[in-house]
């Protein structure tokens, strides 16, 4: 007998798309009928950044939602709408300040995606706003935030001294917490490669935030960024990230340079292949990326617990080492770009332990050099 946790997970994996495909509707309705614990569904949808998207789909499918659950969904929708409006207003103010100072910037992740692929901003909740600037201008950008009322440090310290973004800048307006991260690299130092404004990059995409012009990464860099961000060390992969990737690739499908991605960034294709085990690839994407034929790796959907959490929760050195080297198979295939049909023996016993050693060394070095 299927548990409620499994039923909720199954349904959320079907609903983590911006546009539902008709051939999935019957199965979705059957799985919705199996939901008895609607509190769990609402709670898990919110954890995965899907509450408004799930509510949108259920309403459009004519699902009869229990009164309490409907009230919860509507409250979350109102809260996200209010928060996203505040972030939108703040971003407009930041862009105006950057324009006055002559600072170039690129808006990353959710703050760009709500304008590029979602039908309404509240359907894609945000926790913060990430902005990429030139490395030499990062401190100037952080000063701009201070000038408009944000509390913002200049340098990361300790293990984060060589982090890819400056300390989080924050302030509260009308009871809503606003957090901004100024990045000098869109990719973490824990992964191979970088996406910087200092270096040559593909043409950017223009959109507007209120009265201000804003820029997002080009299509290839956007997919690179979203794929790496999805498989960064995190305990559980958020299904909201799947909605972002599938939604973006589908909307801009005809504009994607598929040959360039296949030749220079096969990692992107492998991530989409692995996500198929989590939530089936839309049919449009299956014309480009063939669904895997190999059995699903173990622990589909499980991420890799961040090093900071492992060190905090496990004081015993042996327990720390055990958790650091013991990563889920599905995550290993993604992070190390290993085709699901290929063995993980070398990755698990050689590549990953060496990578962990490098991460530890990098953090110790950063801490020792920290002011």
Protein backbone atom coordinates (compact mmCIF):
# COMPACT_ATOMS: atom_id res chain seq x y z
CA UNK A 1 0.00 0.00 0.00
CA UNK A 2 1.35 3.42 -1.00
CA UNK A 3 2.07 5.73 1.93
CA UNK A 4 0.81 9.29 1.95
CA UNK A 5 4.39 10.54 1.74
CA UNK A 6 4.91 8.52 -1.43
CA UNK A 7 1.58 9.67 -2.87
CA UNK A 8 2.46 13.32 -2.22
CA UNK A 9 5.92 12.89 -3.74
CA UNK A 10 4.50 11.21 -6.84
CA UNK A 11 1.97 13.97 -7.39
CA UNK A 12 4.48 16.79 -6.88
CA UNK A 13 6.84 15.17 -9.37
CA UNK A 14 4.03 15.27 -11.93
CA UNK A 15 3.08 18.87 -11.19
CA UNK A 16 6.58 20.43 -11.24
CA UNK A 17 6.11 21.81 -14.76
CA UNK A 18 4.84 25.20 -15.86
CA UNK A 19 2.64 23.74 -18.61
CA UNK A 20 0.90 20.39 -18.04
CA UNK A 21 0.85 17.94 -20.94
CA UNK A 22 -2.55 16.51 -21.76
CA UNK A 23 -1.38 12.89 -21.82
CA UNK A 24 -0.44 13.18 -18.12
CA UNK A 25 -3.77 14.57 -16.93
CA UNK A 26 -5.55 11.27 -16.32
CA UNK A 27 -2.65 9.96 -14.22
CA UNK A 28 -2.46 13.24 -12.28
CA UNK A 29 -6.15 13.07 -11.45
CA UNK A 30 -5.80 9.46 -10.28
CA UNK A 31 -2.87 10.38 -8.05
CA UNK A 32 -4.70 13.43 -6.69
CA UNK A 33 -7.57 11.16 -5.65
CA UNK A 34 -5.07 9.17 -3.55
CA UNK A 35 -4.20 12.22 -1.44
CA UNK A 36 -5.72 12.08 2.02
CA UNK A 37 -3.23 14.22 3.88
CA UNK A 38 -3.64 17.61 2.21
CA UNK A 39 -1.64 19.32 4.94
CA UNK A 40 1.33 17.26 3.87
CA UNK A 41 0.77 18.14 0.21
CA UNK A 42 0.61 21.87 0.93
CA UNK A 43 3.65 21.71 3.22
CA UNK A 44 5.80 19.72 0.79
CA UNK A 45 4.73 21.87 -2.15
CA UNK A 46 5.89 24.95 -0.25
CA UNK A 47 9.22 23.33 0.68
CA UNK A 48 9.86 22.60 -3.00
CA UNK A 49 8.90 26.12 -4.09
CA UNK A 50 5.82 24.77 -5.87
CA UNK A 51 2.83 25.77 -3.75
CA UNK A 52 1.47 28.38 -6.16
CA UNK A 53 2.21 26.28 -9.25
CA UNK A 54 0.55 23.20 -7.73
CA UNK A 55 -2.52 25.23 -6.70
CA UNK A 56 -2.70 26.71 -10.21
CA UNK A 57 -2.65 23.25 -11.82
CA UNK A 58 -5.18 21.72 -9.41
CA UNK A 59 -7.63 24.59 -9.94
CA UNK A 60 -7.27 24.37 -13.74
CA UNK A 61 -7.88 20.61 -13.60
CA UNK A 62 -11.06 21.15 -11.60
CA UNK A 63 -9.80 19.21 -8.59
CA UNK A 64 -11.97 19.55 -5.51
CA UNK A 65 -9.57 20.83 -2.88
CA UNK A 66 -10.61 20.53 0.78
CA UNK A 67 -11.55 23.89 2.28
CA UNK A 68 -8.67 24.04 4.76
CA UNK A 69 -6.09 23.13 2.11
CA UNK A 70 -7.57 25.67 -0.29
CA UNK A 71 -7.30 28.37 2.37
CA UNK A 72 -3.66 27.39 2.97
CA UNK A 73 -2.86 27.52 -0.75
CA UNK A 74 -4.55 30.91 -1.11
CA UNK A 75 -2.70 32.30 1.92
CA UNK A 76 0.64 31.15 0.49
CA UNK A 77 -0.24 32.67 -2.88
CA UNK A 78 -1.07 36.01 -1.25
CA UNK A 79 2.12 35.92 0.82
CA UNK A 80 4.32 35.15 -2.19
CA UNK A 81 2.59 37.80 -4.28
CA UNK A 82 3.24 40.42 -1.62
CA UNK A 83 6.85 39.31 -1.09
CA UNK A 84 7.63 39.18 -4.81
CA UNK A 85 6.17 42.67 -5.31
CA UNK A 86 8.47 43.97 -2.57
CA UNK A 87 11.47 42.24 -4.16
CA UNK A 88 10.48 43.55 -7.58
CA UNK A 89 10.32 47.10 -6.24
CA UNK A 90 13.65 46.69 -4.46
CA UNK A 91 15.30 45.28 -7.58
CA UNK A 92 14.04 48.23 -9.61
CA UNK A 93 15.60 50.60 -7.06
CA UNK A 94 18.88 48.67 -7.16
CA UNK A 95 19.01 48.73 -10.96
CA UNK A 96 18.37 52.48 -10.94
CA UNK A 97 21.26 52.95 -8.50
CA UNK A 98 23.55 50.73 -10.58
CA UNK A 99 22.63 52.73 -13.69
CA UNK A 100 23.57 55.97 -11.94
CA UNK A 101 26.97 54.47 -11.04
CA UNK A 102 27.52 52.92 -14.47
CA UNK A 103 27.62 49.36 -13.10
CA UNK A 104 26.79 46.48 -15.43
CA UNK A 105 24.81 43.61 -13.93
CA UNK A 106 23.00 40.38 -14.75
CA UNK A 107 20.02 39.13 -12.76
CA UNK A 108 20.31 35.45 -11.88
CA UNK A 109 17.87 32.62 -11.12
CA UNK A 110 14.37 33.36 -9.86
CA UNK A 111 14.42 37.14 -10.15
CA UNK A 112 15.06 36.75 -13.89
CA UNK A 113 12.94 33.64 -14.46
CA UNK A 114 9.75 35.21 -13.10
CA UNK A 115 9.98 37.62 -16.04
CA UNK A 116 11.23 35.17 -18.66
CA UNK A 117 9.16 31.98 -18.28
CA UNK A 118 6.43 32.24 -15.63
CA UNK A 119 2.94 33.53 -16.50
CA UNK A 120 2.73 35.46 -13.21
CA UNK A 121 5.47 36.38 -10.69
CA UNK A 122 3.90 34.72 -7.63
CA UNK A 123 4.02 31.33 -9.35
CA UNK A 124 7.78 31.31 -8.78
CA UNK A 125 8.56 32.17 -5.12
CA UNK A 126 11.94 33.72 -4.31
CA UNK A 127 13.94 33.77 -1.11
CA UNK A 128 16.55 36.29 -2.26
CA UNK A 129 17.83 38.13 -5.33
CA UNK A 130 21.15 37.16 -6.93
CA UNK A 131 22.96 39.73 -9.05
CA UNK A 132 26.11 39.11 -11.08
CA UNK A 133 28.53 42.00 -11.54
CA UNK A 134 32.11 42.39 -12.71
CA UNK A 135 34.59 41.23 -10.09
CA UNK A 136 36.31 44.62 -9.94
CA UNK A 137 32.95 46.32 -9.35
CA UNK A 138 31.56 43.96 -6.70
CA UNK A 139 32.41 46.22 -3.77
CA UNK A 140 30.97 49.24 -5.60
CA UNK A 141 27.76 47.29 -6.12
CA UNK A 142 27.68 46.37 -2.44
CA UNK A 143 28.13 50.03 -1.55
CA UNK A 144 25.13 50.88 -3.73
CA UNK A 145 23.07 48.51 -1.62
CA UNK A 146 24.24 50.23 1.56
CA UNK A 147 23.34 53.59 0.04
CA UNK A 148 19.71 52.50 -0.27
CA UNK A 149 19.45 51.07 3.21
CA UNK A 150 20.80 47.52 3.08
CA UNK A 151 23.11 46.15 5.76
CA UNK A 152 26.00 44.72 3.79
CA UNK A 153 29.51 43.58 4.63
CA UNK A 154 32.47 43.98 2.31
CA UNK A 155 34.28 40.65 2.57
CA UNK A 156 33.34 37.09 3.40
CA UNK A 157 35.36 35.70 6.30
CA UNK A 158 36.42 32.30 7.55
CA UNK A 159 35.70 29.32 5.31
CA UNK A 160 33.76 31.59 2.91
CA UNK A 161 36.61 34.03 2.28
CA UNK A 162 36.96 32.98 -1.38
CA UNK A 163 33.23 32.55 -1.94
CA UNK A 164 31.67 33.39 -5.31
CA UNK A 165 29.51 36.13 -3.81
CA UNK A 166 29.89 38.86 -1.20
CA UNK A 167 28.15 38.67 2.21
CA UNK A 168 24.37 38.75 1.94
CA UNK A 169 22.94 42.27 2.05
CA UNK A 170 19.65 42.55 3.88
CA UNK A 171 16.94 44.90 5.09
CA UNK A 172 13.30 44.73 6.10
CA UNK A 173 10.55 46.75 4.48
CA UNK A 174 6.91 46.56 5.59
CA UNK A 175 7.63 43.35 7.44
CA UNK A 176 9.21 41.63 4.43
CA UNK A 177 12.83 40.53 4.63
CA UNK A 178 14.86 41.42 1.54
CA UNK A 179 18.17 39.70 0.83
CA UNK A 180 20.55 40.44 -2.02
CA UNK A 181 23.65 38.48 -3.04
CA UNK A 182 26.23 40.28 -5.19
CA UNK A 183 28.06 37.64 -7.24
CA UNK A 184 31.35 37.98 -9.07
CA UNK A 185 30.82 34.49 -10.52
CA UNK A 186 27.50 32.83 -11.27
CA UNK A 187 29.01 29.42 -10.45
CA UNK A 188 30.32 28.25 -7.11
CA UNK A 189 34.06 27.64 -6.66
CA UNK A 190 33.16 24.02 -5.87
CA UNK A 191 32.35 23.29 -9.52
CA UNK A 192 34.45 23.28 -12.67
CA UNK A 193 34.08 26.36 -14.82
CA UNK A 194 32.78 29.87 -14.24
CA UNK A 195 30.34 32.41 -15.64
CA UNK A 196 31.68 35.92 -15.15
CA UNK A 197 30.94 39.34 -16.56
CA UNK A 198 34.68 40.06 -16.69
CA UNK A 199 35.20 37.35 -19.30
CA UNK A 200 33.83 36.96 -22.81
CA UNK A 201 30.30 35.63 -22.69
CA UNK A 202 27.34 34.99 -24.95
CA UNK A 203 24.88 37.83 -25.70
CA UNK A 204 22.61 38.63 -22.77
CA UNK A 205 18.82 38.81 -22.71
CA UNK A 206 17.10 42.08 -21.96
CA UNK A 207 13.91 42.41 -19.92
CA UNK A 208 12.38 45.16 -17.83
CA UNK A 209 11.82 45.57 -14.11
CA UNK A 210 9.39 48.42 -13.71
CA UNK A 211 11.01 51.36 -15.50
CA UNK A 212 14.49 49.85 -15.47
CA UNK A 213 16.25 47.70 -18.05
CA UNK A 214 17.62 44.41 -16.74
CA UNK A 215 19.72 41.65 -18.23
CA UNK A 216 19.71 37.88 -17.91
CA UNK A 217 22.22 35.28 -19.06
CA UNK A 218 22.09 33.99 -22.62
CA UNK A 219 20.35 30.68 -23.22
CA UNK A 220 23.36 28.37 -22.97
CA UNK A 221 24.79 30.08 -19.89
CA UNK A 222 21.33 30.15 -18.31
CA UNK A 223 20.98 26.37 -18.65
CA UNK A 224 24.55 25.86 -17.39
CA UNK A 225 23.85 28.03 -14.38
CA UNK A 226 20.52 26.40 -13.53
CA UNK A 227 21.94 22.87 -13.92
CA UNK A 228 24.92 23.57 -11.67
CA UNK A 229 22.74 25.34 -9.13
CA UNK A 230 20.31 22.40 -9.03
CA UNK A 231 23.07 19.89 -8.27
CA UNK A 232 25.05 21.99 -5.82
CA UNK A 233 25.51 20.29 -2.44
CA UNK A 234 22.04 20.41 -0.92
CA UNK A 235 20.19 17.79 1.10
CA UNK A 236 17.24 17.40 -1.27
CA UNK A 237 16.85 18.60 -4.83
CA UNK A 238 13.96 21.06 -5.03
CA UNK A 239 11.31 20.23 -7.58
CA UNK A 240 10.96 23.96 -8.21
CA UNK A 241 14.37 23.73 -9.88
CA UNK A 242 12.96 21.11 -12.25
CA UNK A 243 10.12 23.47 -13.15
CA UNK A 244 12.71 26.18 -13.90
CA UNK A 245 14.81 23.95 -16.15
CA UNK A 246 11.98 22.28 -18.03
CA UNK A 247 10.11 25.55 -18.39
CA UNK A 248 13.12 27.43 -19.70
CA UNK A 249 14.24 24.74 -22.14
CA UNK A 250 10.71 24.35 -23.52
CA UNK A 251 10.00 28.06 -23.94
CA UNK A 252 13.28 28.78 -25.72
CA UNK A 253 13.60 25.39 -27.41
CA UNK A 254 13.94 26.72 -30.96
CA UNK A 255 16.51 29.31 -29.87
CA UNK A 256 18.83 26.92 -28.03
CA UNK A 257 22.20 26.21 -29.65
CA UNK A 258 21.87 22.45 -29.19
CA UNK A 259 25.12 21.66 -31.02
CA UNK A 260 27.11 24.03 -28.81
CA UNK A 261 25.55 22.58 -25.65
CA UNK A 262 26.26 19.00 -26.77
CA UNK A 263 29.86 19.80 -27.72
CA UNK A 264 30.94 22.20 -24.98
CA UNK A 265 28.51 21.52 -22.11
CA UNK A 266 27.44 17.84 -22.14
CA UNK A 267 26.89 18.25 -18.40
CA UNK A 268 23.62 20.04 -19.22
CA UNK A 269 22.34 17.09 -21.26
CA UNK A 270 23.28 14.65 -18.52
CA UNK A 271 21.40 16.69 -15.90
CA UNK A 272 18.24 16.65 -18.02
CA UNK A 273 18.67 12.90 -18.50
CA UNK A 274 18.91 12.37 -14.75
CA UNK A 275 15.97 14.66 -14.04
CA UNK A 276 13.84 12.37 -16.21
CA UNK A 277 14.04 9.78 -13.42
CA UNK A 278 12.60 12.40 -11.08
CA UNK A 279 9.95 13.89 -13.37
CA UNK A 280 9.45 12.78 -17.00
CA UNK A 281 10.97 15.07 -19.60
CA UNK A 282 8.35 17.03 -21.57
CA UNK A 283 7.76 15.50 -25.00
CA UNK A 284 9.30 18.52 -26.72
CA UNK A 285 12.59 17.98 -24.89
CA UNK A 286 12.52 14.26 -25.67
CA UNK A 287 13.02 15.23 -29.32
CA UNK A 288 16.43 16.54 -28.24
CA UNK A 289 17.36 14.51 -25.18
CA UNK A 290 16.52 10.85 -25.34
CA UNK A 291 15.10 9.47 -22.06
CA UNK A 292 17.50 7.07 -20.33
CA UNK A 293 17.09 3.34 -20.82
CA UNK A 294 19.25 2.34 -17.84
CA UNK A 295 17.53 1.52 -14.52
CA UNK A 296 17.20 4.50 -12.21
CA UNK A 297 20.20 5.09 -9.92
CA UNK A 298 19.49 4.76 -6.21
CA UNK A 299 18.25 7.74 -4.19
CA UNK A 300 16.66 9.66 -7.05
CA UNK A 301 15.93 13.18 -5.81
CA UNK A 302 18.41 13.02 -2.95
CA UNK A 303 21.17 15.59 -2.86
CA UNK A 304 24.51 15.78 -1.11
CA UNK A 305 24.44 17.26 2.38
CA UNK A 306 26.48 20.51 2.38
CA UNK A 307 29.87 20.32 4.04
CA UNK A 308 28.99 23.08 6.52
CA UNK A 309 26.00 21.09 7.81
CA UNK A 310 28.01 17.87 8.05
CA UNK A 311 30.73 19.57 10.08
CA UNK A 312 28.18 21.26 12.35
CA UNK A 313 26.06 18.19 13.04
CA UNK A 314 28.86 15.63 13.41
CA UNK A 315 31.61 16.40 15.90
CA UNK A 316 33.27 13.02 15.56
CA UNK A 317 35.89 13.10 12.78
CA UNK A 318 35.03 9.57 11.61
CA UNK A 319 31.34 10.45 11.31
CA UNK A 320 32.26 13.58 9.35
CA UNK A 321 34.43 11.67 6.88
CA UNK A 322 31.73 9.01 6.46
CA UNK A 323 29.08 11.56 5.59
CA UNK A 324 31.37 13.57 3.34
CA UNK A 325 32.34 10.63 1.14
CA UNK A 326 28.97 8.83 1.19
CA UNK A 327 27.02 10.64 -1.53
CA UNK A 328 23.80 9.37 -3.22
CA UNK A 329 24.30 7.58 -6.55
CA UNK A 330 21.86 9.80 -8.45
CA UNK A 331 23.60 12.96 -7.24
CA UNK A 332 27.04 11.56 -8.08
CA UNK A 333 25.93 10.85 -11.66
CA UNK A 334 24.82 14.47 -11.96
CA UNK A 335 27.57 16.35 -10.17
CA UNK A 336 30.40 14.43 -11.86
CA UNK A 337 28.69 14.20 -15.26
CA UNK A 338 28.55 10.41 -15.33
CA UNK A 339 26.07 8.89 -17.76
CA UNK A 340 23.49 6.81 -15.82
CA UNK A 341 24.49 3.80 -17.92
CA UNK A 342 28.09 4.02 -16.68
CA UNK A 343 29.59 2.70 -13.46
CA UNK A 344 30.20 4.92 -10.43
CA UNK A 345 32.97 2.75 -8.96
CA UNK A 346 35.82 5.11 -9.91
CA UNK A 347 33.78 8.19 -9.03
CA UNK A 348 32.68 6.88 -5.63
CA UNK A 349 36.05 5.54 -4.49
CA UNK A 350 38.51 7.91 -6.20
CA UNK A 351 37.06 11.06 -7.81
CA UNK A 352 34.64 12.02 -5.05
CA UNK A 353 37.04 11.48 -2.09
CA UNK A 354 39.66 13.52 -3.96
CA UNK A 355 37.09 16.25 -4.60
CA UNK A 356 36.10 16.31 -0.92
CA UNK A 357 39.77 16.62 0.01
CA UNK A 358 40.09 19.57 -2.37
CA UNK A 359 36.98 21.22 -0.89
CA UNK A 360 38.35 20.83 2.64
CA UNK A 361 41.74 22.23 1.60
CA UNK A 362 40.08 25.16 -0.19
CA UNK A 363 38.09 26.07 2.91
CA UNK A 364 41.03 25.77 5.27
CA UNK A 365 43.13 27.93 2.95
CA UNK A 366 40.33 30.49 2.72
CA UNK A 367 39.98 30.62 6.49
CA UNK A 368 43.71 31.02 7.05
CA UNK A 369 43.82 33.89 4.54
CA UNK A 370 40.66 35.50 5.94
CA UNK A 371 41.15 38.97 7.47
